[in-house]
Structures are given as C-alpha cells and as structure tokens.
Amino acid sequence: VSVTGDVARSVHVTPLAGPFMLAGAAYLAAALVIFARMRPD
C-alpha cells in the first residue's frame, strides 16, 4: 500500500489509488497467461 501510494503520488494521483494501479497490471498479466498457456482447454 505504501509503495504503490508513492508511485501514485509521483504521477499526481491520490496515494489511495496506488493499489488499484497494481491491480490493473496484475489482472492484465493473469489474462495474458491464461490466454497464451491454457491449451488444451
């Protein structure tokens, strides 16, 4: 929370939004892993 808050502050966003920045990157990476590797279904 503190680390991502500092990242959010550095781009002029409220620190409370930092964890959501992490969430967006994490969910996108999970989607790519499933799409590329879950074969056969």
PDB file of all heavy atoms in Angstrom:
ATOM      1  N   VAL A   1       0.836  -1.211   0.000  1.00  0.00           N
ATOM      2  CA  VAL A   1       0.000   0.000   0.000  1.00  0.00           C
ATOM      3  C   VAL A   1       0.866   1.254   0.000  1.00  0.00           C
ATOM      4  O   VAL A   1       0.637   2.189  -0.782  1.00  0.00           O
ATOM      5  CB  VAL A   1      -0.950  -0.008   1.216  1.00  0.00           C
ATOM      6  CG1 VAL A   1      -1.608   1.356   1.384  1.00  0.00           C
ATOM      7  CG2 VAL A   1      -2.012  -1.081   1.047  1.00  0.00           C
ATOM      8  N   SER A   2       1.875   1.296   0.852  1.00  0.00           N
ATOM      9  CA  SER A   2       2.720   2.488   0.931  1.00  0.00           C
ATOM     10  C   SER A   2       3.533   2.680  -0.345  1.00  0.00           C
ATOM     11  O   SER A   2       3.650   3.798  -0.865  1.00  0.00           O
ATOM     12  CB  SER A   2       3.660   2.388   2.136  1.00  0.00           C
ATOM     13  OG  SER A   2       2.926   2.353   3.335  1.00  0.00           O
ATOM     14  N   VAL A   3       4.088   1.577  -0.862  1.00  0.00           N
ATOM     15  CA  VAL A   3       4.909   1.665  -2.080  1.00  0.00           C
ATOM     16  C   VAL A   3       4.077   2.122  -3.262  1.00  0.00           C
ATOM     17  O   VAL A   3       4.455   3.039  -4.002  1.00  0.00           O
ATOM     18  CB  VAL A   3       5.574   0.307  -2.374  1.00  0.00           C
ATOM     19  CG1 VAL A   3       6.327   0.350  -3.696  1.00  0.00           C
ATOM     20  CG2 VAL A   3       6.514  -0.088  -1.238  1.00  0.00           C
ATOM     21  N   THR A   4       2.926   1.479  -3.457  1.00  0.00           N
ATOM     22  CA  THR A   4       2.077   1.862  -4.590  1.00  0.00           C
ATOM     23  C   THR A   4       1.514   3.263  -4.397  1.00  0.00           C
ATOM     24  O   THR A   4       1.275   3.986  -5.364  1.00  0.00           O
ATOM     25  CB  THR A   4       0.930   0.854  -4.776  1.00  0.00           C
ATOM     26  OG1 THR A   4       0.169   0.757  -3.552  1.00  0.00           O
ATOM     27  CG2 THR A   4       1.459  -0.519  -5.142  1.00  0.00           C
ATOM     28  N   GLY A   5       1.319   3.641  -3.126  1.00  0.00           N
ATOM     29  CA  GLY A   5       0.874   5.018  -2.864  1.00  0.00           C
ATOM     30  C   GLY A   5       1.910   6.034  -3.298  1.00  0.00           C
ATOM     31  O   GLY A   5       1.573   7.082  -3.861  1.00  0.00           O
ATOM     32  N   ASP A   6       3.189   5.726  -3.067  1.00  0.00           N
ATOM     33  CA  ASP A   6       4.260   6.620  -3.519  1.00  0.00           C
ATOM     34  C   ASP A   6       4.300   6.704  -5.043  1.00  0.00           C
ATOM     35  O   ASP A   6       4.518   7.787  -5.614  1.00  0.00           O
ATOM     36  CB  ASP A   6       5.611   6.117  -3.007  1.00  0.00           C
ATOM     37  CG  ASP A   6       5.743   6.252  -1.489  1.00  0.00           C
ATOM     38  OD1 ASP A   6       4.983   7.048  -0.904  1.00  0.00           O
ATOM     39  OD2 ASP A   6       6.593   5.539  -0.909  1.00  0.00           O
ATOM     40  N   VAL A   7       4.075   5.566  -5.703  1.00  0.00           N
ATOM     41  CA  VAL A   7       4.045   5.568  -7.169  1.00  0.00           C
ATOM     42  C   VAL A   7       2.896   6.432  -7.666  1.00  0.00           C
ATOM     43  O   VAL A   7       3.047   7.241  -8.600  1.00  0.00           O
ATOM     44  CB  VAL A   7       3.920   4.131  -7.713  1.00  0.00           C
ATOM     45  CG1 VAL A   7       3.722   4.150  -9.226  1.00  0.00           C
ATOM     46  CG2 VAL A   7       5.148   3.310  -7.344  1.00  0.00           C
ATOM     47  N   ALA A   8       1.730   6.279  -7.040  1.00  0.00           N
ATOM     48  CA  ALA A   8       0.572   7.083  -7.453  1.00  0.00           C
ATOM     49  C   ALA A   8       0.840   8.574  -7.242  1.00  0.00           C
ATOM     50  O   ALA A   8       0.514   9.413  -8.097  1.00  0.00           O
ATOM     51  CB  ALA A   8      -0.660   6.641  -6.666  1.00  0.00           C
ATOM     52  N   ARG A   9       1.452   8.897  -6.118  1.00  0.00           N
ATOM     53  CA  ARG A   9       1.752  10.302  -5.831  1.00  0.00           C
ATOM     54  C   ARG A   9       2.719  10.881  -6.862  1.00  0.00           C
ATOM     55  O   ARG A   9       2.617  12.056  -7.239  1.00  0.00           O
ATOM     56  CB  ARG A   9       2.336  10.417  -4.420  1.00  0.00           C
ATOM     57  CG  ARG A   9       2.454  11.865  -3.933  1.00  0.00           C
ATOM     58  CD  ARG A   9       3.062  11.931  -2.536  1.00  0.00           C
ATOM     59  NE  ARG A   9       2.179  11.363  -1.525  1.00  0.00           N
ATOM     60  CZ  ARG A   9       2.395  10.208  -0.900  1.00  0.00           C
ATOM     61  NH1 ARG A   9       3.465   9.483  -1.184  1.00  0.00           N
ATOM     62  NH2 ARG A   9       1.564   9.782   0.015  1.00  0.00           N
ATOM     63  N   SER A  10       3.637  10.039  -7.337  1.00  0.00           N
ATOM     64  CA  SER A  10       4.627  10.519  -8.305  1.00  0.00           C
ATOM     65  C   SER A  10       4.006  10.882  -9.645  1.00  0.00           C
ATOM     66  O   SER A  10       4.589  11.638 -10.416  1.00  0.00           O
ATOM     67  CB  SER A  10       5.722   9.467  -8.507  1.00  0.00           C
ATOM     68  OG  SER A  10       5.219   8.344  -9.203  1.00  0.00           O
ATOM     69  N   VAL A  11       2.820  10.314  -9.934  1.00  0.00           N
ATOM     70  CA  VAL A  11       2.131  10.655 -11.186  1.00  0.00           C
ATOM     71  C   VAL A  11       0.918  11.542 -10.903  1.00  0.00           C
ATOM     72  O   VAL A  11      -0.026  11.608 -11.694  1.00  0.00           O
ATOM     73  CB  VAL A  11       1.720   9.386 -11.959  1.00  0.00           C
ATOM     74  CG1 VAL A  11       2.940   8.629 -12.435  1.00  0.00           C
ATOM     75  CG2 VAL A  11       0.824   8.484 -11.113  1.00  0.00           C
ATOM     76  N   HIS A  12       0.940  12.192  -9.715  1.00  0.00           N
ATOM     77  CA  HIS A  12      -0.068  13.185  -9.340  1.00  0.00           C
ATOM     78  C   HIS A  12      -1.463  12.583  -9.215  1.00  0.00           C
ATOM     79  O   HIS A  12      -2.467  13.169  -9.626  1.00  0.00           O
ATOM     80  CB  HIS A  12      -0.081  14.342 -10.351  1.00  0.00           C
ATOM     81  CG  HIS A  12       1.270  14.931 -10.584  1.00  0.00           C
ATOM     82  ND1 HIS A  12       1.969  15.627  -9.615  1.00  0.00           N
ATOM     83  CD2 HIS A  12       2.094  14.888 -11.680  1.00  0.00           C
ATOM     84  CE1 HIS A  12       3.148  16.008 -10.099  1.00  0.00           C
ATOM     85  NE2 HIS A  12       3.255  15.565 -11.334  1.00  0.00           N
ATOM     86  N   VAL A  13      -1.515  11.378  -8.608  1.00  0.00           N
ATOM     87  CA  VAL A  13      -2.782  10.716  -8.306  1.00  0.00           C
ATOM     88  C   VAL A  13      -2.805  10.474  -6.806  1.00  0.00           C
ATOM     89  O   VAL A  13      -1.753  10.298  -6.179  1.00  0.00           O
ATOM     90  CB  VAL A  13      -2.909   9.382  -9.070  1.00  0.00           C
ATOM     91  CG1 VAL A  13      -4.198   8.655  -8.698  1.00  0.00           C
ATOM     92  CG2 VAL A  13      -2.867   9.629 -10.569  1.00  0.00           C
ATOM     93  N   THR A  14      -3.999  10.466  -6.199  1.00  0.00           N
ATOM     94  CA  THR A  14      -4.094  10.224  -4.763  1.00  0.00           C
ATOM     95  C   THR A  14      -3.431   8.897  -4.392  1.00  0.00           C
ATOM     96  O   THR A  14      -3.577   7.900  -5.100  1.00  0.00           O
ATOM     97  CB  THR A  14      -5.570  10.202  -4.306  1.00  0.00           C
ATOM     98  OG1 THR A  14      -5.616   9.824  -2.919  1.00  0.00           O
ATOM     99  CG2 THR A  14      -6.388   9.204  -5.092  1.00  0.00           C
ATOM    100  N   PRO A  15      -2.683   8.848  -3.296  1.00  0.00           N
ATOM    101  CA  PRO A  15      -2.000   7.611  -2.898  1.00  0.00           C
ATOM    102  C   PRO A  15      -2.941   6.420  -2.736  1.00  0.00           C
ATOM    103  O   PRO A  15      -2.529   5.272  -2.929  1.00  0.00           O
ATOM    104  CB  PRO A  15      -1.352   7.992  -1.560  1.00  0.00           C
ATOM    105  CG  PRO A  15      -1.166   9.466  -1.626  1.00  0.00           C
ATOM    106  CD  PRO A  15      -2.329   9.983  -2.414  1.00  0.00           C
ATOM    107  N   LEU A  16      -4.211   6.671  -2.392  1.00  0.00           N
ATOM    108  CA  LEU A  16      -5.152   5.570  -2.224  1.00  0.00           C
ATOM    109  C   LEU A  16      -5.407   4.822  -3.534  1.00  0.00           C
ATOM    110  O   LEU A  16      -5.865   3.672  -3.524  1.00  0.00           O
ATOM    111  CB  LEU A  16      -6.486   6.094  -1.677  1.00  0.00           C
ATOM    112  CG  LEU A  16      -6.475   6.592  -0.224  1.00  0.00           C
ATOM    113  CD1 LEU A  16      -7.842   7.134   0.150  1.00  0.00           C
ATOM    114  CD2 LEU A  16      -6.058   5.480   0.720  1.00  0.00           C
ATOM    115  N   ALA A  17      -5.105   5.461  -4.674  1.00  0.00           N
ATOM    116  CA  ALA A  17      -5.301   4.801  -5.970  1.00  0.00           C
ATOM    117  C   ALA A  17      -4.158   3.857  -6.314  1.00  0.00           C
ATOM    118  O   ALA A  17      -4.271   3.057  -7.252  1.00  0.00           O
ATOM    119  CB  ALA A  17      -5.459   5.847  -7.075  1.00  0.00           C
ATOM    120  N   GLY A  18      -3.053   3.931  -5.557  1.00  0.00           N
ATOM    121  CA  GLY A  18      -1.896   3.098  -5.860  1.00  0.00           C
ATOM    122  C   GLY A  18      -2.197   1.608  -5.937  1.00  0.00           C
ATOM    123  O   GLY A  18      -1.793   0.939  -6.896  1.00  0.00           O
ATOM    124  N   PRO A  19      -2.902   1.025  -4.941  1.00  0.00           N
ATOM    125  CA  PRO A  19      -3.205  -0.402  -5.030  1.00  0.00           C
ATOM    126  C   PRO A  19      -4.019  -0.786  -6.268  1.00  0.00           C
ATOM    127  O   PRO A  19      -3.880  -1.895  -6.785  1.00  0.00           O
ATOM    128  CB  PRO A  19      -4.009  -0.659  -3.748  1.00  0.00           C
ATOM    129  CG  PRO A  19      -3.496   0.355  -2.783  1.00  0.00           C
ATOM    130  CD  PRO A  19      -3.251   1.581  -3.624  1.00  0.00           C
ATOM    131  N   PHE A  20      -4.849   0.125  -6.757  1.00  0.00           N
ATOM    132  CA  PHE A  20      -5.609  -0.174  -7.974  1.00  0.00           C
ATOM    133  C   PHE A  20      -4.707  -0.157  -9.211  1.00  0.00           C
ATOM    134  O   PHE A  20      -4.989  -0.853 -10.194  1.00  0.00           O
ATOM    135  CB  PHE A  20      -6.769   0.809  -8.138  1.00  0.00           C
ATOM    136  CG  PHE A  20      -7.954   0.488  -7.260  1.00  0.00           C
ATOM    137  CD1 PHE A  20      -8.135   1.131  -6.054  1.00  0.00           C
ATOM    138  CD2 PHE A  20      -8.872  -0.483  -7.644  1.00  0.00           C
ATOM    139  CE1 PHE A  20      -9.218   0.831  -5.237  1.00  0.00           C
ATOM    140  CE2 PHE A  20      -9.959  -0.792  -6.846  1.00  0.00           C
ATOM    141  CZ  PHE A  20     -10.131  -0.135  -5.634  1.00  0.00           C
ATOM    142  N   MET A  21      -3.646   0.637  -9.175  1.00  0.00           N
ATOM    143  CA  MET A  21      -2.673   0.580 -10.273  1.00  0.00           C
ATOM    144  C   MET A  21      -2.011  -0.796 -10.314  1.00  0.00           C
ATOM    145  O   MET A  21      -1.833  -1.389 -11.394  1.00  0.00           O
ATOM    146  CB  MET A  21      -1.627   1.685 -10.089  1.00  0.00           C
ATOM    147  CG  MET A  21      -2.206   3.085 -10.166  1.00  0.00           C
ATOM    148  SD  MET A  21      -1.016   4.392  -9.706  1.00  0.00           S
ATOM    149  CE  MET A  21       0.137   4.273 -11.064  1.00  0.00           C
ATOM    150  N   LEU A  22      -1.650  -1.302  -9.140  1.00  0.00           N
ATOM    151  CA  LEU A  22      -1.089  -2.653  -9.062  1.00  0.00           C
ATOM    152  C   LEU A  22      -2.101  -3.684  -9.535  1.00  0.00           C
ATOM    153  O   LEU A  22      -1.752  -4.622 -10.275  1.00  0.00           O
ATOM    154  CB  LEU A  22      -0.664  -2.948  -7.620  1.00  0.00           C
ATOM    155  CG  LEU A  22      -0.206  -4.377  -7.319  1.00  0.00           C
ATOM    156  CD1 LEU A  22       1.053  -4.724  -8.106  1.00  0.00           C
ATOM    157  CD2 LEU A  22       0.026  -4.570  -5.825  1.00  0.00           C
ATOM    158  N   ALA A  23      -3.356  -3.524  -9.137  1.00  0.00           N
ATOM    159  CA  ALA A  23      -4.401  -4.487  -9.515  1.00  0.00           C
ATOM    160  C   ALA A  23      -4.578  -4.544 -11.032  1.00  0.00           C
ATOM    161  O   ALA A  23      -4.724  -5.631 -11.612  1.00  0.00           O
ATOM    162  CB  ALA A  23      -5.723  -4.112  -8.849  1.00  0.00           C
ATOM    163  N   GLY A  24      -4.564  -3.388 -11.688  1.00  0.00           N
ATOM    164  CA  GLY A  24      -4.735  -3.376 -13.137  1.00  0.00           C
ATOM    165  C   GLY A  24      -3.633  -4.137 -13.845  1.00  0.00           C
ATOM    166  O   GLY A  24      -3.896  -4.946 -14.748  1.00  0.00           O
ATOM    167  N   ALA A  25      -2.397  -3.906 -13.430  1.00  0.00           N
ATOM    168  CA  ALA A  25      -1.273  -4.611 -14.049  1.00  0.00           C
ATOM    169  C   ALA A  25      -1.329  -6.107 -13.764  1.00  0.00           C
ATOM    170  O   ALA A  25      -1.056  -6.937 -14.641  1.00  0.00           O
ATOM    171  CB  ALA A  25       0.047  -4.019 -13.541  1.00  0.00           C
ATOM    172  N   ALA A  26      -1.711  -6.459 -12.533  1.00  0.00           N
ATOM    173  CA  ALA A  26      -1.739  -7.873 -12.148  1.00  0.00           C
ATOM    174  C   ALA A  26      -2.822  -8.634 -12.907  1.00  0.00           C
ATOM    175  O   ALA A  26      -2.587  -9.745 -13.411  1.00  0.00           O
ATOM    176  CB  ALA A  26      -1.969  -7.987 -10.643  1.00  0.00           C
ATOM    177  N   TYR A  27      -4.017  -8.063 -12.993  1.00  0.00           N
ATOM    178  CA  TYR A  27      -5.103  -8.737 -13.710  1.00  0.00           C
ATOM    179  C   TYR A  27      -4.793  -8.866 -15.203  1.00  0.00           C
ATOM    180  O   TYR A  27      -5.104  -9.893 -15.826  1.00  0.00           O
ATOM    181  CB  TYR A  27      -6.414  -7.980 -13.522  1.00  0.00           C
ATOM    182  CG  TYR A  27      -7.105  -8.249 -12.207  1.00  0.00           C
ATOM    183  CD1 TYR A  27      -7.789  -7.229 -11.527  1.00  0.00           C
ATOM    184  CD2 TYR A  27      -7.104  -9.519 -11.634  1.00  0.00           C
ATOM    185  CE1 TYR A  27      -8.435  -7.465 -10.334  1.00  0.00           C
ATOM    186  CE2 TYR A  27      -7.750  -9.764 -10.433  1.00  0.00           C
ATOM    187  CZ  TYR A  27      -8.412  -8.733  -9.785  1.00  0.00           C
ATOM    188  OH  TYR A  27      -9.057  -8.967  -8.594  1.00  0.00           O
ATOM    189  N   LEU A  28      -4.190  -7.847 -15.778  1.00  0.00           N
ATOM    190  CA  LEU A  28      -3.849  -7.924 -17.196  1.00  0.00           C
ATOM    191  C   LEU A  28      -2.823  -9.027 -17.443  1.00  0.00           C
ATOM    192  O   LEU A  28      -2.938  -9.800 -18.408  1.00  0.00           O
ATOM    193  CB  LEU A  28      -3.303  -6.572 -17.675  1.00  0.00           C
ATOM    194  CG  LEU A  28      -2.908  -6.504 -19.160  1.00  0.00           C
ATOM    195  CD1 LEU A  28      -4.102  -6.816 -20.051  1.00  0.00           C
ATOM    196  CD2 LEU A  28      -2.328  -5.126 -19.488  1.00  0.00           C
ATOM    197  N   ALA A  29      -1.830  -9.140 -16.578  1.00  0.00           N
ATOM    198  CA  ALA A  29      -0.826 -10.199 -16.723  1.00  0.00           C
ATOM    199  C   ALA A  29      -1.461 -11.571 -16.578  1.00  0.00           C
ATOM    200  O   ALA A  29      -1.125 -12.510 -17.325  1.00  0.00           O
ATOM    201  CB  ALA A  29       0.273 -10.011 -15.674  1.00  0.00           C
ATOM    202  N   ALA A  30      -2.414 -11.722 -15.651  1.00  0.00           N
ATOM    203  CA  ALA A  30      -3.097 -13.009 -15.486  1.00  0.00           C
ATOM    204  C   ALA A  30      -3.890 -13.373 -16.736  1.00  0.00           C
ATOM    205  O   ALA A  30      -3.905 -14.539 -17.164  1.00  0.00           O
ATOM    206  CB  ALA A  30      -4.019 -12.954 -14.268  1.00  0.00           C
ATOM    207  N   ALA A  31      -4.550 -12.385 -17.340  1.00  0.00           N
ATOM    208  CA  ALA A  31      -5.311 -12.640 -18.562  1.00  0.00           C
ATOM    209  C   ALA A  31      -4.397 -13.137 -19.680  1.00  0.00           C
ATOM    210  O   ALA A  31      -4.744 -14.075 -20.414  1.00  0.00           O
ATOM    211  CB  ALA A  31      -6.034 -11.364 -19.002  1.00  0.00           C
ATOM    212  N   LEU A  32      -3.233 -12.530 -19.810  1.00  0.00           N
ATOM    213  CA  LEU A  32      -2.299 -12.926 -20.865  1.00  0.00           C
ATOM    214  C   LEU A  32      -1.769 -14.339 -20.635  1.00  0.00           C
ATOM    215  O   LEU A  32      -1.621 -15.123 -21.581  1.00  0.00           O
ATOM    216  CB  LEU A  32      -1.141 -11.929 -20.936  1.00  0.00           C
ATOM    217  CG  LEU A  32      -1.521 -10.506 -21.382  1.00  0.00           C
ATOM    218  CD1 LEU A  32      -0.324  -9.576 -21.265  1.00  0.00           C
ATOM    219  CD2 LEU A  32      -2.056 -10.519 -22.811  1.00  0.00           C
ATOM    220  N   VAL A  33      -1.505 -14.697 -19.374  1.00  0.00           N
ATOM    221  CA  VAL A  33      -1.016 -16.043 -19.060  1.00  0.00           C
ATOM    222  C   VAL A  33      -2.069 -17.085 -19.430  1.00  0.00           C
ATOM    223  O   VAL A  33      -1.766 -18.107 -20.070  1.00  0.00           O
ATOM    224  CB  VAL A  33      -0.644 -16.149 -17.572  1.00  0.00           C
ATOM    225  CG1 VAL A  33      -0.435 -17.607 -17.161  1.00  0.00           C
ATOM    226  CG2 VAL A  33       0.610 -15.343 -17.286  1.00  0.00           C
ATOM    227  N   ILE A  34      -3.310 -16.848 -19.036  1.00  0.00           N
ATOM    228  CA  ILE A  34      -4.380 -17.802 -19.346  1.00  0.00           C
ATOM    229  C   ILE A  34      -4.572 -17.922 -20.851  1.00  0.00           C
ATOM    230  O   ILE A  34      -4.685 -19.034 -21.400  1.00  0.00           O
ATOM    231  CB  ILE A  34      -5.699 -17.361 -18.680  1.00  0.00           C
ATOM    232  CG1 ILE A  34      -5.595 -17.483 -17.163  1.00  0.00           C
ATOM    233  CG2 ILE A  34      -6.873 -18.187 -19.207  1.00  0.00           C
ATOM    234  CD1 ILE A  34      -5.517 -18.889 -16.645  1.00  0.00           C
ATOM    235  N   PHE A  35      -4.616 -16.794 -21.534  1.00  0.00           N
ATOM    236  CA  PHE A  35      -4.878 -16.814 -22.975  1.00  0.00           C
ATOM    237  C   PHE A  35      -3.768 -17.535 -23.744  1.00  0.00           C
ATOM    238  O   PHE A  35      -4.028 -18.284 -24.686  1.00  0.00           O
ATOM    239  CB  PHE A  35      -5.027 -15.384 -23.499  1.00  0.00           C
ATOM    240  CG  PHE A  35      -5.412 -15.305 -24.947  1.00  0.00           C
ATOM    241  CD1 PHE A  35      -6.718 -15.537 -25.342  1.00  0.00           C
ATOM    242  CD2 PHE A  35      -4.463 -15.021 -25.917  1.00  0.00           C
ATOM    243  CE1 PHE A  35      -7.071 -15.482 -26.692  1.00  0.00           C
ATOM    244  CE2 PHE A  35      -4.808 -14.957 -27.251  1.00  0.00           C
ATOM    245  CZ  PHE A  35      -6.114 -15.186 -27.645  1.00  0.00           C
ATOM    246  N   ALA A  36      -2.540 -17.336 -23.312  1.00  0.00           N
ATOM    247  CA  ALA A  36      -1.412 -17.892 -24.057  1.00  0.00           C
ATOM    248  C   ALA A  36      -1.124 -19.346 -23.709  1.00  0.00           C
ATOM    249  O   ALA A  36      -0.687 -20.117 -24.569  1.00  0.00           O
ATOM    250  CB  ALA A  36      -0.157 -17.041 -23.794  1.00  0.00           C
ATOM    251  N   ARG A  37      -1.382 -19.762 -22.449  1.00  0.00           N
ATOM    252  CA  ARG A  37      -0.870 -21.044 -21.985  1.00  0.00           C
ATOM    253  C   ARG A  37      -1.923 -22.114 -21.683  1.00  0.00           C
ATOM    254  O   ARG A  37      -1.587 -23.297 -21.639  1.00  0.00           O
ATOM    255  CB  ARG A  37      -0.026 -20.825 -20.721  1.00  0.00           C
ATOM    256  CG  ARG A  37       1.179 -19.927 -20.917  1.00  0.00           C
ATOM    257  CD  ARG A  37       2.190 -20.584 -21.848  1.00  0.00           C
ATOM    258  NE  ARG A  37       2.681 -21.844 -21.295  1.00  0.00           N
ATOM    259  CZ  ARG A  37       3.267 -22.804 -21.985  1.00  0.00           C
ATOM    260  NH1 ARG A  37       3.438 -22.658 -23.296  1.00  0.00           N
ATOM    261  NH2 ARG A  37       3.687 -23.905 -21.397  1.00  0.00           N
ATOM    262  N   MET A  38      -3.180 -21.754 -21.478  1.00  0.00           N
ATOM    263  CA  MET A  38      -4.163 -22.775 -21.105  1.00  0.00           C
ATOM    264  C   MET A  38      -4.688 -23.499 -22.341  1.00  0.00           C
ATOM    265  O   MET A  38      -5.802 -23.313 -22.803  1.00  0.00           O
ATOM    266  CB  MET A  38      -5.321 -22.177 -20.311  1.00  0.00           C
ATOM    267  CG  MET A  38      -6.262 -23.240 -19.740  1.00  0.00           C
ATOM    268  SD  MET A  38      -7.538 -22.581 -18.653  1.00  0.00           S
ATOM    269  CE  MET A  38      -6.631 -22.500 -17.120  1.00  0.00           C
ATOM    270  N   ARG A  39      -3.842 -24.359 -22.883  1.00  0.00           N
ATOM    271  CA  ARG A  39      -4.170 -25.179 -24.049  1.00  0.00           C
ATOM    272  C   ARG A  39      -3.615 -26.578 -23.815  1.00  0.00           C
ATOM    273  O   ARG A  39      -2.458 -26.689 -23.388  1.00  0.00           O
ATOM    274  CB  ARG A  39      -3.530 -24.601 -25.321  1.00  0.00           C
ATOM    275  CG  ARG A  39      -3.869 -23.157 -25.640  1.00  0.00           C
ATOM    276  CD  ARG A  39      -2.927 -22.643 -26.734  1.00  0.00           C
ATOM    277  NE  ARG A  39      -3.101 -21.235 -27.018  1.00  0.00           N
ATOM    278  CZ  ARG A  39      -3.890 -20.744 -27.978  1.00  0.00           C
ATOM    279  NH1 ARG A  39      -4.565 -21.559 -28.749  1.00  0.00           N
ATOM    280  NH2 ARG A  39      -3.988 -19.445 -28.169  1.00  0.00           N
ATOM    281  N   PRO A  40      -4.393 -27.621 -24.068  1.00  0.00           N
ATOM    282  CA  PRO A  40      -5.812 -27.678 -24.417  1.00  0.00           C
ATOM    283  C   PRO A  40      -6.696 -27.205 -23.254  1.00  0.00           C
ATOM    284  O   PRO A  40      -6.251 -27.174 -22.115  1.00  0.00           O
ATOM    285  CB  PRO A  40      -6.046 -29.165 -24.699  1.00  0.00           C
ATOM    286  CG  PRO A  40      -4.700 -29.772 -24.854  1.00  0.00           C
ATOM    287  CD  PRO A  40      -3.770 -28.964 -24.018  1.00  0.00           C
ATOM    288  N   ASP A  41      -7.936 -26.885 -23.579  1.00  0.00           N
ATOM    289  CA  ASP A  41      -8.860 -26.395 -22.577  1.00  0.00           C
ATOM    290  C   ASP A  41      -9.332 -27.550 -21.688  1.00  0.00           C
ATOM    291  O   ASP A  41      -9.783 -28.576 -22.184  1.00  0.00           O
ATOM    292  CB  ASP A  41     -10.065 -25.749 -23.271  1.00  0.00           C
ATOM    293  CG  ASP A  41     -10.937 -25.009 -22.287  1.00  0.00           C
ATOM    294  OD1 ASP A  41     -11.753 -25.667 -21.610  1.00  0.00           O
ATOM    295  OD2 ASP A  41     -10.808 -23.779 -22.186  1.00  0.00           O
TER     296      ASP A  41
END
